[in-house]
Protein backbone atom coordinates (compact mmCIF):
# COMPACT_ATOMS: atom_id res chain seq x y z
CA MET A 1 -15.46 -1.90 -22.51
CA ARG A 2 -17.47 -5.12 -22.47
CA PHE A 3 -17.35 -8.10 -20.11
CA ALA A 4 -15.74 -10.10 -22.92
CA ASP A 5 -12.77 -7.70 -22.89
CA ILE A 6 -11.92 -8.63 -19.28
CA PRO A 7 -10.08 -11.90 -18.62
CA GLY A 8 -11.44 -14.29 -16.01
CA LEU A 9 -13.96 -13.32 -13.31
CA GLN A 10 -16.70 -15.37 -14.94
CA ASP A 11 -18.65 -15.89 -11.71
CA VAL A 12 -18.75 -12.15 -10.98
CA LYS A 13 -19.76 -11.33 -14.55
CA GLU A 14 -22.61 -13.82 -14.48
CA LEU A 15 -23.80 -12.45 -11.13
CA LEU A 16 -24.03 -8.92 -12.54
CA ILE A 17 -25.62 -9.98 -15.82
CA ASP A 18 -28.25 -12.15 -14.11
CA ALA A 19 -29.16 -9.29 -11.77
CA VAL A 20 -29.86 -6.99 -14.72
CA LYS A 21 -31.80 -9.65 -16.62
CA ASN A 22 -34.00 -10.37 -13.60
CA ASN A 23 -34.43 -6.70 -12.62
CA HIS A 24 -32.69 -7.29 -9.30
CA THR A 25 -29.94 -4.73 -9.78
CA ALA A 26 -29.04 -2.96 -6.55
CA HIS A 27 -29.11 0.82 -6.83
CA ALA A 28 -25.73 1.13 -5.09
CA GLN A 29 -22.96 -1.44 -5.39
CA LEU A 30 -19.46 -1.49 -3.96
CA PHE A 31 -16.91 -3.30 -6.12
CA VAL A 32 -14.21 -4.37 -3.67
CA GLY A 33 -10.86 -5.74 -4.74
CA ALA A 34 -7.22 -5.79 -3.67
CA THR A 35 -4.72 -3.60 -5.48
CA GLY A 36 -4.45 -5.05 -8.97
CA ALA A 37 -7.98 -6.48 -9.05
CA LEU A 38 -9.97 -5.61 -12.16
CA ASN A 39 -12.84 -3.92 -10.36
CA LEU A 40 -12.64 -0.66 -12.35
CA PRO A 41 -12.72 -2.43 -15.76
CA LEU A 42 -15.57 -4.53 -14.41
CA ALA A 43 -17.48 -1.37 -13.40
CA LEU A 44 -16.93 0.11 -16.86
CA ALA A 45 -18.19 -3.07 -18.53
CA TYR A 46 -21.19 -3.13 -16.19
CA ALA A 47 -22.09 0.45 -17.12
CA THR A 48 -21.85 -0.50 -20.80
CA TYR A 49 -24.14 -3.46 -20.21
CA LEU A 50 -26.73 -1.35 -18.37
CA HIS A 51 -26.89 1.14 -21.26
CA CYS A 52 -26.70 -1.38 -24.13
CA GLU A 53 -29.73 -1.29 -26.42
CA ASN A 54 -29.40 -4.93 -27.54
CA LYS A 55 -27.99 -6.68 -24.49
CA GLY A 56 -27.81 -10.46 -24.26
CA ASP A 57 -25.19 -12.38 -22.30
CA ASP A 58 -23.00 -9.31 -22.81
CA ALA A 59 -23.33 -5.84 -24.27
CA CYS A 60 -23.70 -6.01 -28.06
CA GLY A 61 -20.75 -3.70 -28.70
CA THR A 62 -22.34 -2.21 -31.84
CA CYS A 63 -25.31 -0.08 -30.77
CA ALA A 64 -24.99 3.69 -30.30
CA ALA A 65 -24.80 3.34 -26.51
CA CYS A 66 -21.99 0.76 -26.71
CA SER A 67 -20.06 2.90 -29.19
CA LYS A 68 -20.19 5.87 -26.83
CA ASN A 69 -19.30 3.78 -23.79
CA ALA A 70 -16.32 2.38 -25.67
CA LYS A 71 -14.96 5.96 -25.75
CA TYR A 72 -16.26 6.74 -22.23
CA ILE A 73 -18.39 9.61 -23.56
CA HIS A 74 -21.89 8.29 -22.90
CA PRO A 75 -23.86 11.25 -21.48
CA ASP A 76 -25.55 9.07 -18.85
CA THR A 77 -22.35 7.56 -17.46
CA HIS A 78 -20.77 9.93 -14.96
CA PHE A 79 -17.37 9.64 -13.29
CA VAL A 80 -16.01 10.79 -9.95
CA PHE A 81 -12.32 10.18 -9.29
CA PRO A 82 -9.51 11.56 -7.13
CA VAL A 83 -7.47 14.39 -8.57
CA SER A 84 -5.23 17.30 -7.58
CA ASN A 85 -5.23 20.67 -9.33
CA VAL A 86 -1.58 20.52 -10.37
CA LYS A 87 -1.83 23.66 -12.52
CA ASN A 88 -3.67 25.65 -9.82
CA ASP A 89 -6.16 26.64 -12.51
CA LYS A 90 -8.54 29.26 -11.13
CA ASP A 91 -11.12 28.57 -13.85
CA GLU A 92 -12.96 25.63 -12.26
CA ASP A 93 -15.05 24.77 -15.31
CA ARG A 94 -12.04 24.72 -17.60
CA PHE A 95 -10.09 22.55 -15.17
CA LYS A 96 -12.97 20.05 -14.91
CA ALA A 97 -13.28 19.83 -18.68
CA GLU A 98 -9.54 19.25 -19.12
CA ILE A 99 -9.25 16.68 -16.35
CA LEU A 100 -12.28 14.76 -17.65
CA LYS A 101 -10.66 14.68 -21.09
CA SER A 102 -7.48 13.32 -19.48
CA TRP A 103 -9.49 10.73 -17.55
CA ARG A 104 -11.14 9.41 -20.70
CA ALA A 105 -7.80 9.24 -22.48
CA PHE A 106 -6.32 7.41 -19.47
CA LEU A 107 -9.07 4.79 -19.52
CA LEU A 108 -8.53 4.22 -23.25
CA GLU A 109 -4.75 3.88 -22.89
CA GLN A 110 -4.48 2.15 -19.50
CA SER A 111 -7.75 0.37 -18.86
CA TYR A 112 -6.14 -1.71 -16.09
CA GLY A 113 -4.29 1.24 -14.55
CA SER A 114 -3.85 1.99 -10.85
CA LEU A 115 -4.16 5.19 -8.84
CA ASP A 116 -0.41 5.78 -9.22
CA ASP A 117 -0.73 5.33 -12.98
CA TRP A 118 -3.54 7.90 -13.03
CA THR A 119 -1.69 10.52 -11.00
CA ASN A 120 1.41 10.01 -13.14
CA TYR A 121 -0.73 10.35 -16.26
CA TYR A 122 -2.04 13.81 -15.50
CA GLY A 123 1.17 14.95 -13.76
CA GLY A 124 -0.02 14.90 -10.17
CA GLU A 125 2.36 12.32 -8.73
CA ASP A 126 3.83 14.84 -6.29
CA LYS A 127 0.47 15.94 -4.87
CA LEU A 128 -2.17 14.10 -2.90
CA ALA A 129 -5.16 13.16 -5.06
CA LEU A 130 -8.54 13.53 -3.37
CA ILE A 131 -12.24 13.70 -4.13
CA SER A 132 -13.07 17.18 -2.91
CA ARG A 133 -15.90 18.23 -0.63
CA GLU A 134 -17.53 20.11 -3.52
CA GLU A 135 -17.87 16.86 -5.44
CA SER A 136 -20.84 15.67 -3.38
CA ARG A 137 -22.83 18.71 -4.50
CA GLU A 138 -21.84 18.00 -8.10
CA ILE A 139 -23.03 14.41 -7.75
CA ILE A 140 -26.41 15.48 -6.43
CA LYS A 141 -26.73 18.18 -9.11
CA THR A 142 -25.79 15.79 -11.92
CA LEU A 143 -28.17 13.05 -10.83
CA SER A 144 -31.07 15.46 -10.38
CA LEU A 145 -31.25 15.77 -14.17
CA LYS A 146 -33.16 13.31 -16.31
CA PRO A 147 -31.22 10.81 -18.44
CA PHE A 148 -30.27 12.11 -21.88
CA GLU A 149 -30.34 8.93 -23.94
CA SER A 150 -30.49 5.83 -21.76
CA PRO A 151 -33.25 4.67 -19.43
CA HIS A 152 -30.55 4.63 -16.73
CA LYS A 153 -28.03 6.97 -15.15
CA VAL A 154 -24.79 5.42 -13.90
CA MET A 155 -22.43 7.12 -11.46
CA ILE A 156 -19.01 5.46 -11.12
CA ILE A 157 -17.05 6.64 -8.08
CA TRP A 158 -13.47 5.41 -8.26
CA GLN A 159 -11.43 5.22 -5.04
CA PRO A 160 -14.23 6.50 -2.74
CA GLU A 161 -11.88 5.94 0.21
CA LEU A 162 -10.15 9.14 -0.95
CA MET A 163 -13.27 11.26 -0.60
CA HIS A 164 -13.10 14.24 1.71
CA SER A 165 -15.13 13.38 4.81
CA ALA A 166 -17.62 16.15 4.00
CA ALA A 167 -18.09 14.74 0.48
CA ALA A 168 -18.55 11.20 1.83
CA ASN A 169 -21.20 12.36 4.30
CA GLY A 170 -22.77 14.53 1.61
CA ILE A 171 -23.71 11.58 -0.62
CA LEU A 172 -25.22 9.39 2.10
CA LYS A 173 -28.80 10.48 1.49
CA ILE A 174 -28.68 10.12 -2.28
CA LEU A 175 -26.97 6.73 -1.89
CA GLU A 176 -29.86 5.56 0.26
CA GLU A 177 -32.61 7.18 -1.81
CA PRO A 178 -31.32 7.74 -5.34
CA PRO A 179 -33.48 9.12 -8.17
CA PRO A 180 -35.33 6.46 -10.20
CA GLN A 181 -33.21 4.28 -12.48
CA THR A 182 -29.98 5.64 -11.04
CA PHE A 183 -27.14 3.25 -10.27
CA PHE A 184 -24.10 3.95 -8.15
CA ILE A 185 -20.97 1.86 -8.67
CA LEU A 186 -18.29 2.53 -6.07
CA VAL A 187 -14.91 1.00 -6.90
CA THR A 188 -12.45 0.58 -4.02
CA ASN A 189 -9.15 -1.06 -3.17
CA ALA A 190 -9.46 -0.18 0.53
CA ALA A 191 -12.97 -0.84 1.81
CA ASP A 192 -11.69 -0.70 5.39
CA LYS A 193 -11.10 3.05 4.94
CA LEU A 194 -14.69 3.78 3.91
CA LEU A 195 -17.31 5.16 6.25
CA PRO A 196 -19.43 2.33 7.70
CA THR A 197 -22.49 4.33 6.67
CA ILE A 198 -21.42 4.12 3.03
CA ILE A 199 -20.74 0.38 3.22
CA SER A 200 -24.13 -0.23 4.84
CA ARG A 201 -25.87 1.52 1.93
CA THR A 202 -24.24 -0.57 -0.78
CA GLN A 203 -24.32 -4.14 -2.02
CA ILE A 204 -20.80 -5.53 -1.91
CA VAL A 205 -19.41 -7.25 -5.02
CA THR A 206 -16.07 -8.91 -4.29
CA VAL A 207 -13.67 -8.90 -7.22
CA PRO A 208 -10.79 -11.38 -6.71
CA LEU A 209 -7.37 -11.19 -8.30
CA LEU A 210 -6.92 -13.29 -11.43
CA HIS A 211 -5.59 -16.83 -11.27
CA ASP A 212 -2.07 -17.39 -12.59
CA GLU A 213 -3.29 -19.35 -15.59
CA GLN A 214 -5.61 -16.47 -16.56
CA VAL A 215 -2.81 -13.92 -16.39
CA GLN A 216 -0.46 -16.18 -18.35
CA ALA A 217 -3.07 -16.90 -21.02
CA TYR A 218 -3.77 -13.18 -21.39
CA LEU A 219 -0.08 -12.35 -21.82
CA MET A 220 0.38 -15.07 -24.42
CA GLU A 221 -2.79 -14.23 -26.36
CA LYS A 222 -2.89 -10.43 -26.18
CA HIS A 223 0.83 -9.66 -26.04
CA SER A 224 2.21 -12.62 -28.00
CA LEU A 225 4.67 -13.65 -25.29
CA ASP A 226 6.28 -17.04 -25.39
CA GLU A 227 5.24 -19.45 -22.67
CA ARG A 228 8.48 -19.19 -20.65
CA LYS A 229 8.46 -15.39 -20.41
CA ALA A 230 4.71 -15.28 -19.73
CA GLU A 231 5.13 -17.81 -16.92
CA LYS A 232 8.00 -15.85 -15.36
CA ILE A 233 6.05 -12.57 -15.44
CA THR A 234 2.96 -14.31 -14.06
CA GLN A 235 4.91 -15.53 -11.02
CA LEU A 236 5.94 -11.96 -10.23
CA ALA A 237 2.53 -10.41 -10.91
CA GLU A 238 0.60 -12.54 -8.37
CA GLY A 239 -2.74 -12.00 -10.09
CA ASN A 240 -2.14 -8.28 -10.74
CA LEU A 241 -2.70 -7.92 -14.50
CA ASN A 242 -1.70 -4.26 -14.53
CA PHE A 243 1.68 -5.11 -12.99
CA ALA A 244 2.12 -8.04 -15.39
CA ILE A 245 1.60 -5.77 -18.40
CA LYS A 246 4.18 -3.30 -17.05
CA LEU A 247 6.72 -6.08 -16.65
CA ILE A 248 6.49 -6.86 -20.37
CA ASP A 249 8.15 -3.58 -21.27
CA SER A 250 10.52 -3.39 -18.32
CA GLU A 251 14.19 -3.62 -19.17
CA GLU A 252 15.55 -7.15 -19.22
CA ASP A 253 17.06 -8.03 -15.90
CA ASP A 254 18.45 -11.05 -14.17
CA ASN A 255 16.62 -11.22 -10.89
CA THR A 256 17.74 -14.79 -10.29
CA LYS A 257 21.41 -13.80 -10.37
CA ARG A 258 20.77 -10.62 -8.33
CA PHE A 259 18.80 -12.48 -5.69
CA ILE A 260 21.38 -15.27 -5.33
CA GLU A 261 24.27 -12.81 -4.96
CA TRP A 262 22.24 -10.69 -2.55
CA MET A 263 21.28 -13.60 -0.29
CA ARG A 264 24.85 -14.93 -0.26
CA ALA A 265 26.17 -11.49 0.74
CA CYS A 266 23.53 -11.23 3.48
CA PHE A 267 24.33 -14.70 4.81
CA ARG A 268 28.08 -14.05 4.82
CA LYS A 269 27.61 -10.55 6.30
CA SER A 270 29.60 -9.05 3.44
CA TYR A 271 28.71 -5.48 4.32
CA GLY A 272 30.95 -3.90 1.67
CA SER A 273 29.14 -5.92 -1.02
CA LEU A 274 25.76 -4.94 0.41
CA VAL A 275 26.64 -1.23 0.24
CA ALA A 276 27.69 -1.63 -3.41
CA MET A 277 24.48 -3.54 -4.14
CA ALA A 278 22.46 -0.72 -2.58
CA ASP A 279 24.07 1.71 -5.04
CA ASP A 280 23.25 -0.60 -7.96
CA TYR A 281 19.69 -1.03 -6.71
CA HIS A 282 19.23 2.74 -6.48
CA SER A 283 20.22 3.07 -10.16
CA LEU A 284 17.33 0.81 -11.28
CA ASP A 285 14.04 2.37 -12.34
CA LYS A 286 11.10 2.11 -9.95
CA LEU A 287 9.50 -0.79 -11.77
CA ASN A 288 12.62 -2.94 -11.61
CA GLN A 289 13.20 -1.99 -7.97
CA ARG A 290 9.71 -3.23 -7.17
CA ASN A 291 10.25 -6.21 -9.46
CA LEU A 292 13.29 -7.41 -7.47
CA ILE A 293 11.43 -7.15 -4.15
CA SER A 294 8.45 -9.04 -5.57
CA TYR A 295 10.76 -11.69 -6.99
CA SER A 296 12.50 -12.04 -3.62
CA MET A 297 9.17 -12.50 -1.84
CA ASN A 298 8.26 -15.20 -4.35
CA MET A 299 11.57 -16.97 -3.74
CA MET A 300 10.95 -16.88 0.01
CA ARG A 301 7.57 -18.50 -0.56
CA GLU A 302 9.17 -21.12 -2.78
CA SER A 303 11.72 -21.82 -0.03
CA LEU A 304 8.92 -22.13 2.51
CA LEU A 305 7.23 -24.78 0.35
CA ASN A 306 10.50 -26.68 0.14
CA ILE A 307 11.07 -26.52 3.91
CA SER A 308 7.50 -27.66 4.57
CA GLY A 309 7.87 -30.76 2.43
CA ALA A 310 5.63 -29.40 -0.30
CA GLY A 311 8.36 -29.12 -2.92
CA ASP A 312 6.07 -30.63 -5.56
CA MET A 313 4.16 -27.33 -5.45
CA ASN A 314 7.26 -25.29 -6.37
CA ARG A 315 6.80 -23.16 -9.48
CA THR A 316 10.51 -22.49 -9.93
CA ARG A 317 12.54 -24.45 -12.47
CA GLY A 318 16.18 -24.90 -13.45
CA ASP A 319 18.74 -22.69 -11.68
CA GLU A 320 16.02 -21.08 -9.57
CA LEU A 321 14.81 -24.41 -8.22
CA LYS A 322 18.36 -25.57 -7.50
CA PHE A 323 19.04 -22.42 -5.50
CA VAL A 324 15.74 -22.73 -3.60
CA GLN A 325 16.63 -26.29 -2.62
CA ASP A 326 20.12 -25.24 -1.45
CA PHE A 327 18.90 -22.06 0.23
CA SER A 328 16.23 -23.97 2.14
CA LYS A 329 18.93 -25.96 3.93
CA VAL A 330 20.02 -22.88 5.90
CA LEU A 331 16.50 -21.55 6.48
CA THR A 332 13.90 -22.20 9.13
CA LEU A 333 10.21 -21.34 9.19
CA ASP A 334 10.97 -18.48 11.58
CA LYS A 335 13.69 -17.06 9.31
CA VAL A 336 11.42 -17.20 6.27
CA GLU A 337 8.57 -15.53 8.14
CA LYS A 338 10.79 -12.69 9.39
CA SER A 339 12.47 -12.25 5.99
CA PHE A 340 9.15 -12.11 4.18
CA LYS A 341 7.88 -9.45 6.58
CA LEU A 342 11.04 -7.37 6.04
CA LEU A 343 10.63 -7.60 2.27
CA ASN A 344 6.96 -6.68 2.52
CA ASP A 345 7.78 -3.65 4.68
CA ALA A 346 10.42 -2.55 2.17
CA SER A 347 7.90 -2.83 -0.65
CA TYR A 348 5.53 -0.61 1.35
CA HIS A 349 8.18 2.08 1.82
CA LEU A 350 9.18 1.94 -1.86
CA GLU A 351 5.56 2.52 -2.86
CA ARG A 352 5.65 5.67 -0.76
CA ASN A 353 8.69 7.00 -2.58
CA GLY A 354 11.27 6.42 0.13
CA SER A 355 14.96 6.47 -0.80
CA ALA A 356 15.58 3.21 -2.65
CA LYS A 357 19.23 3.10 -1.57
CA MET A 358 18.43 3.56 2.12
CA ILE A 359 15.52 1.12 2.02
CA PHE A 360 17.60 -1.57 0.30
CA LEU A 361 20.60 -1.14 2.60
CA ASP A 362 18.45 -1.19 5.72
CA LEU A 363 16.65 -4.26 4.40
CA SER A 364 19.95 -5.98 3.59
CA LEU A 365 21.37 -5.42 7.07
CA LYS A 366 18.18 -6.73 8.71
CA LEU A 367 18.09 -9.74 6.40
CA SER A 368 21.74 -10.45 7.20
CA LYS A 369 20.94 -10.46 10.90
CA THR A 370 17.88 -12.64 10.34
CA LEU A 371 19.55 -15.22 8.09
CA ASN A 372 22.73 -15.55 10.11
CA PRO A 373 22.10 -14.39 13.71
């Protein structure tokens, strides 16, 4: 992967490129971004750039080093990532070889993938993925060897917040005093869960979510979506390109109609309808369940803009905008705030595989009480 393959983030790219050109590259960097930020693709592109034999304002993409990095098989780029031994394989070397093969295939197929995507990919969605305590010894052992082909060695540690505490403490010394020409790139979506001693030993690179126009342009250019569909998906994705790509292939739904009927049932306290809706919601796949909650949160934000007199900032159009304008008449700032929090909490519980039916019904009853006390 090259920087050119990643949409947006021009300021961050230039910062990294200039550091390499001026020999000011920090030996340990922490790429920090919210869930959905492209910090892992950025780390992969950075490793490619460090190894490139003909680098300019980007990696050349044609040299031997770039060709190997494009397949994630460069011998001087090393990966550490959370995993669970789902097959309980007693042969440790065989398991490592198989999981590394799966990791490389995952990066090729889902370069913007999340932790959930990774665990689903190798079949470990029902087990907790961790970076084991033994991994710190492997890191030290690997980096004690000289580079094979490149002047540099690059160690990418993905999701370091999931490191066993013994592993995290075990890499502190090598993080502070790495071997010559060794670069650590730690990629996290939860920097607040890292040891302060790790954060203090790294240079932080903040990777923001993409702007809406960047997501929309990517969907139209790379996935040939028409402007209307790309715009609708972009509103739901909120800068999360991985989520936006998933929404392309999700079954067609009518969130506008669902949301309107749902809010009307909540406002009227039509409990029988809400129970039936909970059954329908449970029958949706996980992506469309999450999609409806995200859409509902967006509609609450749109309503808030309308209540606050900032209707010119509304992104909704047509039937959606008409409903927002009507819905706003029965809302207050307090109701919107409480409703948004309830929706956000429901999204959290869905992500942790709670019962969709129970979550939706509980949410509906609380929303009913909030909207019409």
